[in-house]
N, C-alpha and C. Protein backbone atom coordinates (compact mmCIF):
# COMPACT_ATOMS: atom_id res chain seq x y z
N MET A 1 5.97 -9.15 -37.67
CA MET A 1 6.78 -8.45 -38.82
C MET A 1 7.72 -9.99 -39.64
N GLY A 2 7.42 -9.34 -40.90
CA GLY A 2 7.64 -10.55 -41.84
C GLY A 2 9.16 -10.05 -42.13
N LYS A 3 9.83 -10.97 -43.57
CA LYS A 3 11.25 -10.12 -43.09
C LYS A 3 11.38 -9.34 -44.40
N SER A 4 12.80 -8.62 -44.13
CA SER A 4 12.66 -7.13 -44.51
C SER A 4 12.93 -7.25 -46.04
N ILE A 5 12.83 -6.47 -47.25
CA ILE A 5 12.58 -6.48 -48.51
C ILE A 5 13.99 -7.06 -48.78
N LYS A 6 15.30 -6.52 -48.07
CA LYS A 6 16.95 -6.59 -48.40
C LYS A 6 16.68 -8.72 -48.07
N VAL A 7 16.33 -9.13 -47.49
CA VAL A 7 16.51 -10.36 -46.90
C VAL A 7 15.77 -11.25 -48.09
N GLN A 8 14.46 -11.34 -48.46
CA GLN A 8 13.96 -11.65 -49.28
C GLN A 8 14.84 -11.74 -50.20
N ARG A 9 15.31 -10.69 -51.07
CA ARG A 9 16.20 -10.73 -52.02
C ARG A 9 17.73 -11.21 -52.61
N LYS A 10 18.22 -11.20 -51.20
CA LYS A 10 18.96 -12.36 -51.28
C LYS A 10 18.49 -13.54 -50.79
N GLU A 11 17.78 -14.32 -50.47
CA GLU A 11 16.88 -15.29 -50.70
C GLU A 11 16.51 -16.03 -52.28
N SER A 12 15.97 -14.79 -52.78
CA SER A 12 15.81 -15.23 -54.06
C SER A 12 17.40 -15.31 -55.01
N LEU A 13 17.90 -14.31 -55.01
CA LEU A 13 19.16 -14.39 -56.05
C LEU A 13 19.87 -15.48 -55.29
N LEU A 14 19.79 -15.83 -54.17
CA LEU A 14 20.58 -17.42 -53.68
C LEU A 14 20.33 -18.52 -54.68
N LYS A 15 18.70 -18.28 -54.40
CA LYS A 15 17.90 -19.93 -54.83
C LYS A 15 18.39 -19.57 -56.80
N GLU A 16 19.18 -18.74 -57.54
CA GLU A 16 19.42 -18.62 -58.73
C GLU A 16 20.45 -18.88 -58.87
N ILE A 17 21.57 -18.54 -57.55
CA ILE A 17 23.15 -18.75 -58.17
C ILE A 17 23.07 -20.63 -57.44
N ILE A 18 22.67 -20.76 -56.39
CA ILE A 18 23.29 -22.10 -55.97
C ILE A 18 23.14 -23.14 -56.90
N PRO A 19 22.13 -23.20 -57.77
CA PRO A 19 21.86 -24.38 -58.56
C PRO A 19 23.36 -24.19 -59.45
N GLU A 20 23.58 -22.91 -59.99
CA GLU A 20 24.74 -22.78 -60.98
C GLU A 20 25.77 -22.87 -60.52
N VAL A 21 26.13 -23.26 -59.43
CA VAL A 21 27.25 -23.70 -58.59
C VAL A 21 27.19 -25.44 -58.58
N LEU A 22 25.89 -25.66 -58.01
CA LEU A 22 25.76 -27.03 -57.79
C LEU A 22 25.96 -27.76 -59.63
N ALA A 23 25.48 -27.25 -60.07
CA ALA A 23 26.36 -27.67 -61.53
C ALA A 23 27.49 -27.96 -62.17
N GLN A 24 28.31 -27.07 -61.68
CA GLN A 24 29.55 -27.16 -61.70
C GLN A 24 30.72 -28.34 -60.90
N MET A 25 29.43 -28.79 -59.77
CA MET A 25 30.32 -29.79 -59.07
C MET A 25 30.91 -30.95 -59.64
N ASN A 26 32.02 -31.40 -59.21
CA ASN A 26 32.47 -32.88 -59.68
C ASN A 26 31.10 -34.32 -59.48
N ASP A 27 30.90 -34.20 -58.53
CA ASP A 27 29.93 -35.37 -58.39
C ASP A 27 28.92 -34.91 -58.62
N SER A 28 28.44 -36.10 -59.58
CA SER A 28 27.11 -36.63 -60.36
C SER A 28 25.62 -35.94 -59.57
N ARG A 29 25.91 -36.61 -58.45
CA ARG A 29 24.77 -36.73 -57.50
C ARG A 29 24.38 -35.26 -56.94
N ILE A 30 25.35 -34.13 -56.56
CA ILE A 30 25.29 -33.46 -56.53
C ILE A 30 24.71 -31.95 -57.48
N ARG A 31 25.23 -32.43 -58.92
CA ARG A 31 24.72 -32.22 -60.01
C ARG A 31 23.46 -31.71 -59.96
N GLY A 32 22.73 -33.17 -59.87
CA GLY A 32 21.83 -33.55 -60.41
C GLY A 32 20.82 -32.82 -59.38
N LEU A 33 21.17 -32.29 -58.01
CA LEU A 33 20.21 -31.90 -57.22
C LEU A 33 19.40 -30.26 -57.74
N GLY A 34 18.13 -29.83 -57.52
CA GLY A 34 17.66 -28.75 -57.55
C GLY A 34 17.09 -28.04 -56.08
N VAL A 35 17.29 -27.18 -56.37
CA VAL A 35 17.08 -25.82 -55.28
C VAL A 35 15.66 -26.25 -54.91
N VAL A 36 15.15 -26.60 -53.98
CA VAL A 36 13.56 -25.62 -53.93
C VAL A 36 13.01 -24.43 -53.23
N ASP A 37 14.12 -24.63 -52.49
CA ASP A 37 13.84 -22.92 -51.48
C ASP A 37 15.13 -22.69 -51.05
N VAL A 38 15.09 -21.67 -51.22
CA VAL A 38 16.35 -21.23 -49.67
C VAL A 38 15.58 -19.60 -48.71
N VAL A 39 16.23 -19.97 -47.31
CA VAL A 39 15.72 -19.58 -46.53
C VAL A 39 16.67 -18.86 -45.69
N CYS A 40 16.44 -17.73 -45.56
CA CYS A 40 17.81 -16.74 -44.75
C CYS A 40 16.89 -16.49 -42.75
N SER A 41 17.73 -16.19 -42.36
CA SER A 41 17.72 -15.82 -40.78
C SER A 41 17.16 -14.54 -41.34
N ARG A 42 16.81 -13.56 -40.14
CA ARG A 42 15.76 -12.58 -39.99
C ARG A 42 17.06 -11.22 -40.41
N ASP A 43 18.64 -11.56 -40.09
CA ASP A 43 19.21 -10.67 -40.35
C ASP A 43 19.94 -10.86 -41.43
N GLY A 44 19.65 -11.91 -42.06
CA GLY A 44 20.28 -12.52 -43.73
C GLY A 44 21.97 -13.10 -43.21
N SER A 45 22.25 -13.57 -41.89
CA SER A 45 23.38 -13.96 -41.68
C SER A 45 23.37 -15.77 -41.97
N ASP A 46 22.57 -16.38 -41.58
CA ASP A 46 22.53 -17.61 -41.86
C ASP A 46 21.27 -17.98 -43.53
N ALA A 47 21.48 -18.96 -43.82
CA ALA A 47 20.62 -19.92 -45.09
C ALA A 47 20.45 -20.96 -44.91
N LYS A 48 19.19 -21.44 -45.18
CA LYS A 48 18.94 -22.95 -45.31
C LYS A 48 18.40 -23.23 -46.63
N VAL A 49 19.37 -24.19 -47.54
CA VAL A 49 19.01 -24.64 -48.30
C VAL A 49 18.27 -25.65 -48.68
N TYR A 50 17.27 -25.71 -49.26
CA TYR A 50 15.97 -26.61 -49.37
C TYR A 50 16.17 -27.40 -50.52
N LEU A 51 16.97 -28.89 -50.83
CA LEU A 51 17.09 -29.31 -52.15
C LEU A 51 15.95 -30.65 -52.39
N GLU A 52 15.74 -30.74 -53.51
CA GLU A 52 14.98 -31.85 -54.09
C GLU A 52 15.37 -33.00 -53.98
N LYS A 53 15.06 -33.69 -53.11
CA LYS A 53 15.21 -35.45 -53.32
C LYS A 53 15.96 -36.15 -55.00
N SER A 54 14.83 -35.85 -55.61
CA SER A 54 14.49 -36.13 -56.67
C SER A 54 15.06 -37.82 -56.46
N TYR A 55 16.28 -38.58 -57.03
CA TYR A 55 16.06 -39.97 -57.48
C TYR A 55 17.05 -40.58 -56.44
N LEU A 56 17.47 -39.79 -54.96
CA LEU A 56 18.56 -40.03 -54.06
C LEU A 56 17.49 -41.21 -53.38
N ASN A 57 18.31 -41.96 -52.81
CA ASN A 57 17.55 -42.84 -51.44
C ASN A 57 18.37 -42.05 -50.03
N GLU A 58 17.56 -43.11 -49.68
CA GLU A 58 18.66 -42.14 -48.09
C GLU A 58 20.19 -42.07 -48.00
N LYS A 59 20.48 -43.08 -48.05
CA LYS A 59 21.67 -43.53 -48.14
C LYS A 59 22.76 -42.27 -48.76
N GLU A 60 22.50 -42.07 -50.29
CA GLU A 60 22.54 -41.10 -51.36
C GLU A 60 22.71 -39.81 -50.99
N GLN A 61 21.26 -39.54 -50.14
CA GLN A 61 21.20 -38.21 -49.53
C GLN A 61 22.36 -37.60 -48.83
N ARG A 62 22.47 -38.77 -47.70
CA ARG A 62 23.43 -38.74 -46.32
C ARG A 62 24.80 -38.14 -47.22
N GLU A 63 25.07 -38.88 -48.17
CA GLU A 63 26.60 -38.54 -48.92
C GLU A 63 26.37 -37.86 -49.79
N ALA A 64 25.41 -36.86 -50.03
CA ALA A 64 25.43 -35.90 -50.71
C ALA A 64 25.68 -34.77 -49.79
N LEU A 65 24.63 -34.72 -48.79
CA LEU A 65 25.10 -33.47 -47.55
C LEU A 65 26.44 -33.38 -46.98
N LYS A 66 27.05 -34.83 -46.93
CA LYS A 66 28.20 -34.47 -46.10
C LYS A 66 28.80 -34.07 -47.45
N GLN A 67 29.09 -34.36 -49.14
CA GLN A 67 29.37 -33.64 -49.50
C GLN A 67 29.86 -32.01 -50.38
N LEU A 68 28.34 -32.08 -49.78
CA LEU A 68 27.87 -30.49 -49.81
C LEU A 68 28.58 -29.70 -48.65
N LYS A 69 28.52 -30.20 -47.48
CA LYS A 69 28.84 -29.84 -46.08
C LYS A 69 30.54 -28.98 -46.21
N GLN A 70 31.24 -29.87 -47.40
CA GLN A 70 32.65 -30.18 -47.30
C GLN A 70 32.72 -29.02 -48.68
N ALA A 71 32.04 -28.95 -49.38
CA ALA A 71 32.14 -27.77 -50.34
C ALA A 71 31.33 -27.19 -49.93
N ARG A 72 31.00 -26.80 -48.87
CA ARG A 72 30.17 -25.32 -48.42
C ARG A 72 31.22 -23.85 -48.83
N GLY A 73 32.60 -23.78 -48.77
CA GLY A 73 33.26 -22.91 -48.59
C GLY A 73 33.30 -22.60 -49.89
N TYR A 74 33.50 -23.46 -51.00
CA TYR A 74 33.68 -23.33 -51.87
C TYR A 74 32.35 -22.49 -52.92
N ILE A 75 31.09 -23.24 -51.95
CA ILE A 75 30.23 -22.78 -52.98
C ILE A 75 30.08 -21.36 -52.07
N GLN A 76 29.97 -20.54 -51.05
CA GLN A 76 29.85 -19.76 -50.44
C GLN A 76 30.68 -18.67 -51.50
N ASN A 77 32.31 -19.03 -51.75
CA ASN A 77 32.89 -18.03 -52.44
C ASN A 77 32.46 -17.55 -53.54
N TYR A 78 31.43 -19.14 -54.41
CA TYR A 78 31.49 -18.41 -55.79
C TYR A 78 29.90 -17.48 -55.57
N CYS A 79 29.08 -17.71 -54.07
CA CYS A 79 28.42 -16.84 -54.32
C CYS A 79 28.37 -15.55 -53.75
N LEU A 80 29.67 -15.19 -53.24
CA LEU A 80 30.16 -13.93 -53.16
C LEU A 80 30.51 -13.14 -54.27
N LYS A 81 31.24 -13.89 -55.32
CA LYS A 81 31.64 -13.70 -55.93
C LYS A 81 30.81 -13.05 -57.31
N SER A 82 29.70 -14.05 -57.12
CA SER A 82 28.86 -13.65 -58.23
C SER A 82 28.10 -12.76 -57.73
N THR A 83 27.48 -11.84 -56.86
CA THR A 83 26.58 -10.76 -56.02
C THR A 83 27.47 -9.92 -55.68
N GLY A 84 28.74 -9.92 -55.66
CA GLY A 84 29.41 -8.71 -55.36
C GLY A 84 29.23 -8.61 -54.42
N TRP A 85 28.68 -8.99 -52.87
CA TRP A 85 28.22 -8.68 -51.83
C TRP A 85 29.27 -8.48 -50.77
N PHE A 86 29.21 -8.53 -49.93
CA PHE A 86 30.46 -8.24 -48.85
C PHE A 86 30.70 -9.48 -48.59
N LYS A 87 29.58 -9.92 -47.61
CA LYS A 87 29.88 -11.08 -46.88
C LYS A 87 28.27 -12.11 -47.09
N VAL A 88 28.66 -13.13 -47.30
CA VAL A 88 27.42 -14.07 -47.90
C VAL A 88 27.11 -15.10 -46.46
N PRO A 89 25.67 -15.79 -46.82
CA PRO A 89 25.01 -16.20 -45.24
C PRO A 89 26.02 -17.47 -45.57
N ASN A 90 26.05 -18.14 -44.30
CA ASN A 90 26.58 -19.17 -43.66
C ASN A 90 25.07 -19.90 -44.13
N LEU A 91 25.86 -21.14 -45.25
CA LEU A 91 24.63 -21.92 -45.76
C LEU A 91 25.11 -23.07 -45.14
N THR A 92 23.64 -23.53 -45.51
CA THR A 92 23.41 -25.05 -44.27
C THR A 92 22.35 -26.29 -45.57
N PHE A 93 22.66 -27.45 -45.53
CA PHE A 93 21.96 -27.72 -46.47
C PHE A 93 21.07 -28.68 -46.54
N THR A 94 19.67 -29.09 -46.59
CA THR A 94 18.65 -30.02 -46.14
C THR A 94 18.01 -30.50 -47.46
N PHE A 95 17.65 -31.65 -47.12
CA PHE A 95 16.38 -32.19 -48.32
C PHE A 95 15.16 -31.65 -47.45
N ASP A 96 14.24 -31.09 -48.87
CA ASP A 96 13.13 -30.47 -48.62
C ASP A 96 11.91 -31.85 -48.60
N GLU A 97 11.68 -32.52 -47.56
CA GLU A 97 10.38 -33.14 -47.00
C GLU A 97 8.86 -32.19 -47.76
N LEU A 98 8.59 -32.13 -47.55
CA LEU A 98 7.47 -31.01 -47.92
C LEU A 98 6.78 -31.46 -49.59
N LEU A 99 7.28 -31.91 -50.28
CA LEU A 99 6.83 -32.54 -51.48
C LEU A 99 6.46 -33.75 -51.57
N GLU A 100 7.25 -34.27 -50.59
CA GLU A 100 6.87 -35.92 -50.03
C GLU A 100 5.49 -35.85 -49.41
N LYS A 101 5.33 -35.16 -48.09
CA LYS A 101 4.26 -34.94 -47.47
C LYS A 101 2.99 -34.44 -48.16
N GLU A 102 3.24 -33.57 -49.13
CA GLU A 102 2.08 -33.75 -49.97
C GLU A 102 1.51 -34.43 -51.17
N ASN A 103 2.07 -35.05 -51.04
CA ASN A 103 2.26 -35.97 -52.39
C ASN A 103 1.38 -37.64 -51.28
N LYS A 104 1.80 -37.23 -50.75
CA LYS A 104 1.11 -38.74 -49.19
C LYS A 104 -0.41 -38.28 -49.04
N MET A 105 -0.42 -36.88 -48.51
CA MET A 105 -1.55 -36.27 -48.85
C MET A 105 -2.25 -36.25 -49.50
N GLU A 106 -2.09 -36.24 -50.83
CA GLU A 106 -2.70 -36.36 -51.90
C GLU A 106 -3.33 -37.77 -52.44
N GLU A 107 -2.18 -39.03 -52.43
CA GLU A 107 -3.16 -40.17 -52.06
C GLU A 107 -4.01 -40.55 -51.08
N LEU A 108 -3.75 -40.16 -49.69
CA LEU A 108 -5.01 -40.09 -48.89
C LEU A 108 -6.40 -39.95 -49.38
N PHE A 109 -6.32 -38.79 -49.72
CA PHE A 109 -7.63 -37.65 -50.49
C PHE A 109 -7.84 -38.92 -51.30
N GLU A 110 -7.10 -39.28 -52.43
CA GLU A 110 -7.59 -40.04 -53.36
C GLU A 110 -8.11 -41.55 -53.31
N LYS A 111 -7.89 -42.11 -51.92
CA LYS A 111 -8.58 -43.24 -51.30
C LYS A 111 -9.86 -43.26 -50.97
N ILE A 112 -9.84 -41.58 -49.79
CA ILE A 112 -11.00 -41.08 -49.26
C ILE A 112 -11.93 -40.83 -50.41
N LYS A 113 -11.45 -40.33 -51.26
CA LYS A 113 -12.53 -40.36 -52.76
C LYS A 113 -12.95 -41.25 -52.98
N ALA A 114 -12.06 -42.75 -52.84
CA ALA A 114 -12.45 -43.70 -54.16
C ALA A 114 -13.77 -44.81 -52.83
N LYS A 115 -13.58 -44.06 -51.85
CA LYS A 115 -14.35 -45.19 -51.23
C LYS A 115 -15.83 -44.38 -51.00
N GLY A 116 -15.60 -42.96 -50.96
CA GLY A 116 -16.75 -42.57 -51.06
C GLY A 116 -17.89 -43.00 -52.08
N GLU A 117 -17.28 -42.82 -53.09
CA GLU A 117 -17.81 -42.92 -54.68
C GLU A 117 -18.64 -44.55 -54.95
């Protein structure tokens, strides 16, 4: 069985609100982060926020995640006020690896195609 409509709506709303709050942060690295996806647990009590790596190297990514962990309470409070929900999911942040993997696969397909020609 898939996720309930309620959880899907929660994911969708968080995907809109989290970039708003990130844009207001003091750290320019965090302000520039894009939210790729938000995935809530079945009961909606936890949410994993997938961020776009964009221009950050590994060290900057670690620092950004550290800053986000420290700012999690502020971000959750902002989400709570914006949505009017009674409770907001416990947020965890991670960088999305999928886009990078897709790009590598595209490169491989291009190489295979070039060898075949």
